[in-house]
């Protein structure tokens, strides 16, 4: 049989050992560093919202890549970006198009539009572009050179030219002079080459227009020279459009200046030869230059 001692001395020893163990454990618990709490906070970076911008009504006065410039009735201009999400719509019926969304290629110069925009860090972005079928038909006819009757073509060209006439300040990029024989309005082979070269140069410039001005020397009376200068200018315009492929809607109204603005003195044969000329000026509106 096992006998357990219960003497006071024995009990005291057990109590002391028990207290020491308990104190040691308590000390270890107090001295141990607390486990770091988990950091569950996080920063969320959300894309900036696109704020609704102004609704803009006007005429497309320039196109460059994914941007277009719209000129309002008061002359103010807005540059608006177009992206894949931009909705371009017109009413049904044009050339059999029975759809709400048109391609961005439908946005031609001279086309009246209403644009709903979004304001972004980079400027205005078009969310919705609305246009009228009759306006798109006119702009498309001029742009593609489609012959739909002389009167219709003339009216469409005149309408667009009238809009361009509102732009009254230009940068002259270059001037090509072609010369004529005395009293004549016949283009030489050299003149024809120079005209098509000038048209090719202008074609490589964004938003370029041509202004054609005819002149004479001092030979002949005032009335004769006025008619002759206009005839020379008209002959140049016809050649630019028919042989060089220059579009009518990119041509400002030609004019004849008779004996005005001579390049040289009319007192010599050489000077008169320089003055019998038509000047073909390549112009870009200051408001559109560099767009």
Protein backbone atom coordinates (compact mmCIF):
# COMPACT_ATOMS: atom_id res chain seq x y z
CA UNK A 1 0.00 0.00 0.00
CA UNK A 2 1.32 3.45 -0.91
CA UNK A 3 1.54 5.99 1.84
CA UNK A 4 1.43 9.70 1.03
CA UNK A 5 3.09 11.95 3.60
CA UNK A 6 0.92 14.76 4.78
CA UNK A 7 3.39 16.42 7.15
CA UNK A 8 3.30 20.23 7.38
CA UNK A 9 6.88 20.42 6.13
CA UNK A 10 6.02 18.42 3.04
CA UNK A 11 2.88 20.43 2.30
CA UNK A 12 4.81 23.70 2.63
CA UNK A 13 7.40 22.51 0.09
CA UNK A 14 4.69 21.63 -2.43
CA UNK A 15 3.03 25.02 -2.00
CA UNK A 16 6.30 26.88 -2.57
CA UNK A 17 7.09 24.89 -5.72
CA UNK A 18 3.58 25.45 -7.01
CA UNK A 19 3.80 29.21 -6.39
CA UNK A 20 7.18 29.46 -8.10
CA UNK A 21 5.89 27.67 -11.19
CA UNK A 22 2.81 29.85 -11.30
CA UNK A 23 4.88 33.04 -10.91
CA UNK A 24 7.30 31.94 -13.62
CA UNK A 25 4.43 31.28 -16.06
CA UNK A 26 2.84 34.62 -15.17
CA UNK A 27 6.12 36.41 -15.77
CA UNK A 28 6.57 34.74 -19.13
CA UNK A 29 3.02 35.75 -20.11
CA UNK A 30 3.60 39.36 -19.10
CA UNK A 31 7.05 39.67 -20.72
CA UNK A 32 6.09 38.14 -24.10
CA UNK A 33 5.49 40.85 -26.73
CA UNK A 34 1.96 41.16 -27.98
CA UNK A 35 1.36 39.79 -31.47
CA UNK A 36 0.98 42.65 -33.96
CA UNK A 37 -2.58 43.27 -35.02
CA UNK A 38 -3.35 42.64 -38.69
CA UNK A 39 -3.63 45.82 -40.85
CA UNK A 40 -6.73 45.27 -42.93
CA UNK A 41 -6.94 48.81 -44.29
CA UNK A 42 -6.41 49.33 -48.06
CA UNK A 43 -6.53 52.30 -50.48
CA UNK A 44 -8.79 51.90 -53.50
CA UNK A 45 -7.87 53.94 -56.59
CA UNK A 46 -10.94 54.38 -58.76
CA UNK A 47 -10.83 55.89 -62.24
CA UNK A 48 -11.96 59.51 -62.38
CA UNK A 49 -15.55 59.85 -63.44
CA UNK A 50 -16.33 61.59 -66.72
CA UNK A 51 -18.45 64.61 -65.96
CA UNK A 52 -21.18 65.67 -68.35
CA UNK A 53 -19.98 68.51 -70.55
CA UNK A 54 -21.84 71.13 -72.59
CA UNK A 55 -24.04 70.34 -75.57
CA UNK A 56 -22.48 71.95 -78.63
CA UNK A 57 -24.33 72.88 -81.81
CA UNK A 58 -22.54 74.07 -84.92
CA UNK A 59 -20.79 73.11 -88.14
CA UNK A 60 -17.80 70.79 -88.43
CA UNK A 61 -15.10 73.18 -89.60
CA UNK A 62 -12.11 70.82 -89.42
CA UNK A 63 -11.20 67.16 -88.93
CA UNK A 64 -7.84 65.81 -87.80
CA UNK A 65 -7.42 62.19 -86.72
CA UNK A 66 -9.73 61.46 -83.80
CA UNK A 67 -10.58 65.13 -83.28
CA UNK A 68 -13.02 67.51 -84.91
CA UNK A 69 -13.54 71.23 -84.59
CA UNK A 70 -17.10 72.52 -84.34
CA UNK A 71 -17.80 76.20 -85.04
CA UNK A 72 -20.96 77.55 -83.41
CA UNK A 73 -23.26 80.25 -84.79
CA UNK A 74 -21.54 82.89 -82.65
CA UNK A 75 -18.14 81.96 -84.11
CA UNK A 76 -16.85 80.13 -81.04
CA UNK A 77 -14.86 76.98 -81.78
CA UNK A 78 -14.67 73.75 -79.80
CA UNK A 79 -12.21 70.90 -80.38
CA UNK A 80 -13.90 67.60 -79.50
CA UNK A 81 -12.38 64.12 -79.37
CA UNK A 82 -14.11 61.09 -80.87
CA UNK A 83 -13.54 57.52 -79.67
CA UNK A 84 -14.98 54.05 -80.30
CA UNK A 85 -17.76 54.64 -77.77
CA UNK A 86 -19.03 57.78 -79.50
CA UNK A 87 -22.51 57.24 -80.94
CA UNK A 88 -23.13 58.91 -84.29
CA UNK A 89 -26.75 58.86 -85.39
CA UNK A 90 -29.01 60.18 -88.13
CA UNK A 91 -32.62 59.62 -89.04
CA UNK A 92 -33.56 56.80 -91.41
CA UNK A 93 -33.75 56.99 -95.15
CA UNK A 94 -30.41 58.32 -96.42
CA UNK A 95 -29.21 56.14 -99.29
CA UNK A 96 -31.15 53.25 -97.76
CA UNK A 97 -29.31 53.44 -94.44
CA UNK A 98 -31.70 52.08 -91.84
CA UNK A 99 -29.56 52.26 -88.76
CA UNK A 100 -28.95 54.48 -85.81
CA UNK A 101 -25.17 54.37 -85.69
CA UNK A 102 -22.97 55.75 -88.46
CA UNK A 103 -19.22 55.52 -88.90
CA UNK A 104 -16.92 58.38 -87.91
CA UNK A 105 -16.17 58.82 -91.62
CA UNK A 106 -19.64 60.35 -91.91
CA UNK A 107 -18.39 63.41 -90.04
CA UNK A 108 -17.48 65.62 -93.00
CA UNK A 109 -16.41 69.25 -93.09
CA UNK A 110 -19.39 71.60 -93.40
CA UNK A 111 -21.80 69.20 -91.68
CA UNK A 112 -24.13 70.72 -89.03
CA UNK A 113 -24.11 68.61 -85.85
CA UNK A 114 -25.36 68.56 -82.29
CA UNK A 115 -22.80 67.04 -79.91
CA UNK A 116 -23.33 65.80 -76.37
CA UNK A 117 -19.98 65.87 -74.59
CA UNK A 118 -18.18 64.56 -71.54
CA UNK A 119 -15.56 66.62 -69.73
CA UNK A 120 -12.31 64.71 -69.26
CA UNK A 121 -8.83 65.62 -68.16
CA UNK A 122 -7.83 65.93 -71.79
CA UNK A 123 -10.75 68.16 -72.84
CA UNK A 124 -14.12 67.40 -74.39
CA UNK A 125 -15.09 63.89 -75.52
CA UNK A 126 -18.12 63.30 -77.73
CA UNK A 127 -20.58 60.81 -76.27
CA UNK A 128 -23.35 61.39 -78.84
CA UNK A 129 -23.31 63.14 -82.23
CA UNK A 130 -26.62 63.81 -83.97
CA UNK A 131 -27.06 65.04 -87.53
CA UNK A 132 -29.71 65.44 -90.21
CA UNK A 133 -29.92 63.20 -93.27
CA UNK A 134 -30.37 66.12 -95.68
CA UNK A 135 -27.16 67.74 -94.41
CA UNK A 136 -25.24 64.47 -94.65
CA UNK A 137 -26.47 64.00 -98.20
CA UNK A 138 -25.21 67.42 -99.25
CA UNK A 139 -21.84 67.03 -97.52
CA UNK A 140 -21.36 63.53 -98.95
CA UNK A 141 -22.20 64.68 -102.47
CA UNK A 142 -19.61 67.44 -102.34
CA UNK A 143 -16.98 65.27 -100.64
CA UNK A 144 -17.32 62.43 -103.14
CA UNK A 145 -17.81 64.66 -106.17
CA UNK A 146 -21.03 62.82 -106.99
CA UNK A 147 -22.82 64.30 -110.00
CA UNK A 148 -26.49 64.62 -109.15
CA UNK A 149 -27.43 67.39 -111.54
CA UNK A 150 -25.71 70.66 -112.23
CA UNK A 151 -28.10 72.79 -110.18
CA UNK A 152 -27.92 70.54 -107.14
CA UNK A 153 -24.14 70.40 -107.28
CA UNK A 154 -23.89 74.17 -107.70
CA UNK A 155 -26.24 74.83 -104.79
CA UNK A 156 -24.38 72.44 -102.51
CA UNK A 157 -21.00 73.92 -103.39
CA UNK A 158 -22.32 77.45 -102.89
CA UNK A 159 -23.74 76.53 -99.49
CA UNK A 160 -20.46 75.14 -98.25
CA UNK A 161 -18.46 77.97 -99.80
CA UNK A 162 -20.72 80.41 -97.96
CA UNK A 163 -19.80 78.74 -94.69
CA UNK A 164 -16.11 78.92 -95.53
CA UNK A 165 -16.59 82.61 -96.36
CA UNK A 166 -17.10 83.26 -92.64
CA UNK A 167 -13.40 82.54 -92.12
CA UNK A 168 -11.74 85.82 -93.01
CA UNK A 169 -8.18 85.43 -91.83
CA UNK A 170 -5.69 83.12 -93.53
CA UNK A 171 -2.08 82.12 -93.48
CA UNK A 172 -0.62 82.14 -97.00
CA UNK A 173 1.44 78.97 -97.26
CA UNK A 174 2.70 79.52 -100.82
CA UNK A 175 1.90 81.24 -104.11
CA UNK A 176 2.35 79.84 -107.62
CA UNK A 177 2.27 82.26 -110.58
CA UNK A 178 1.50 81.08 -114.11
CA UNK A 179 2.01 83.45 -117.04
CA UNK A 180 0.14 84.22 -120.28
CA UNK A 181 0.79 85.78 -123.66
CA UNK A 182 -0.45 89.30 -124.38
CA UNK A 183 -4.25 89.41 -124.63
CA UNK A 184 -4.52 85.62 -124.23
CA UNK A 185 -5.97 83.24 -121.62
CA UNK A 186 -4.37 80.04 -122.96
CA UNK A 187 -2.40 77.85 -120.54
CA UNK A 188 1.07 76.79 -121.62
CA UNK A 189 2.43 73.30 -121.01
CA UNK A 190 4.63 74.72 -118.25
CA UNK A 191 1.66 76.45 -116.64
CA UNK A 192 -0.33 73.20 -116.60
CA UNK A 193 2.53 71.36 -114.90
CA UNK A 194 2.92 74.14 -112.33
CA UNK A 195 -0.79 74.15 -111.52
CA UNK A 196 -0.98 70.43 -110.80
CA UNK A 197 2.20 70.69 -108.72
CA UNK A 198 0.59 73.45 -106.66
CA UNK A 199 -2.57 71.34 -106.19
CA UNK A 200 -0.46 68.38 -105.05
CA UNK A 201 1.33 70.59 -102.53
CA UNK A 202 -1.97 71.90 -101.17
CA UNK A 203 -3.38 68.37 -100.98
CA UNK A 204 -0.63 67.51 -98.52
CA UNK A 205 -1.68 70.30 -96.14
CA UNK A 206 -4.52 69.92 -93.66
CA UNK A 207 -7.48 72.25 -94.23
CA UNK A 208 -5.90 73.97 -97.27
CA UNK A 209 -7.93 76.12 -99.68
CA UNK A 210 -6.97 77.68 -102.99
CA UNK A 211 -7.53 81.33 -103.91
CA UNK A 212 -7.04 82.12 -107.61
CA UNK A 213 -6.49 85.73 -108.74
CA UNK A 214 -6.00 86.86 -112.34
CA UNK A 215 -3.97 89.88 -113.52
CA UNK A 216 -2.98 91.67 -116.74
CA UNK A 217 -0.28 94.08 -117.82
CA UNK A 218 -1.05 97.67 -118.82
CA UNK A 219 -1.78 96.82 -122.45
CA UNK A 220 -5.42 97.48 -123.39
CA UNK A 221 -8.15 99.53 -121.75
CA UNK A 222 -9.57 99.03 -118.27
CA UNK A 223 -12.73 97.16 -119.25
CA UNK A 224 -10.87 94.78 -121.57
CA UNK A 225 -8.26 94.01 -118.91
CA UNK A 226 -10.87 93.36 -116.24
CA UNK A 227 -12.63 90.80 -118.43
CA UNK A 228 -9.29 89.27 -119.46
CA UNK A 229 -8.09 88.90 -115.86
CA UNK A 230 -11.33 87.16 -114.90
CA UNK A 231 -11.11 84.90 -117.93
CA UNK A 232 -7.56 83.89 -117.02
CA UNK A 233 -8.58 83.15 -113.44
CA UNK A 234 -11.53 81.05 -114.65
CA UNK A 235 -9.31 79.09 -117.02
CA UNK A 236 -6.94 78.25 -114.15
CA UNK A 237 -9.80 77.20 -111.86
CA UNK A 238 -11.22 74.90 -114.51
CA UNK A 239 -7.86 73.24 -115.09
CA UNK A 240 -7.22 72.77 -111.37
CA UNK A 241 -10.58 71.06 -110.93
CA UNK A 242 -10.77 69.08 -114.17
CA UNK A 243 -7.16 68.05 -114.76
CA UNK A 244 -5.55 68.32 -111.32
CA UNK A 245 -8.47 66.87 -109.32
CA UNK A 246 -8.90 69.81 -106.95
CA UNK A 247 -12.36 69.73 -105.32
CA UNK A 248 -14.67 72.74 -105.89
CA UNK A 249 -15.59 73.04 -102.22
CA UNK A 250 -11.92 73.70 -101.40
CA UNK A 251 -11.75 76.65 -103.78
CA UNK A 252 -12.51 80.21 -102.74
CA UNK A 253 -14.30 82.40 -105.28
CA UNK A 254 -11.80 83.39 -108.01
CA UNK A 255 -11.39 87.01 -108.95
CA UNK A 256 -9.83 89.24 -111.61
CA UNK A 257 -7.73 92.24 -110.58
CA UNK A 258 -6.94 93.68 -114.01
CA UNK A 259 -3.72 95.78 -113.80
CA UNK A 260 -3.64 95.96 -109.97
CA UNK A 261 -0.70 94.76 -107.87
CA UNK A 262 1.93 94.47 -110.62
CA UNK A 263 4.95 92.31 -109.80
CA UNK A 264 7.23 94.43 -111.97
CA UNK A 265 7.23 97.68 -113.92
CA UNK A 266 4.96 97.86 -116.96
CA UNK A 267 7.54 100.09 -118.64
CA UNK A 268 9.52 97.10 -119.94
CA UNK A 269 8.62 93.99 -121.92
CA UNK A 270 10.12 91.81 -119.19
CA UNK A 271 8.03 93.53 -116.53
CA UNK A 272 4.83 93.18 -118.55
CA UNK A 273 5.54 89.46 -119.03
CA UNK A 274 5.68 89.00 -115.24
CA UNK A 275 2.44 90.93 -114.74
CA UNK A 276 0.41 88.81 -117.21
CA UNK A 277 -0.25 86.15 -114.63
CA UNK A 278 -2.64 84.21 -112.44
CA UNK A 279 -1.62 83.75 -108.81
CA UNK A 280 -2.65 80.49 -107.12
CA UNK A 281 -2.47 81.03 -103.35
CA UNK A 282 -2.52 78.14 -100.89
CA UNK A 283 -4.35 79.34 -97.78
CA UNK A 284 -5.06 77.87 -94.36
CA UNK A 285 -7.35 79.66 -91.93
CA UNK A 286 -5.48 80.94 -88.92
CA UNK A 287 -8.16 79.37 -86.76
CA UNK A 288 -7.49 75.92 -88.27
CA UNK A 289 -3.76 76.11 -88.96
CA UNK A 290 -1.99 73.35 -87.06
CA UNK A 291 -5.14 71.48 -86.03
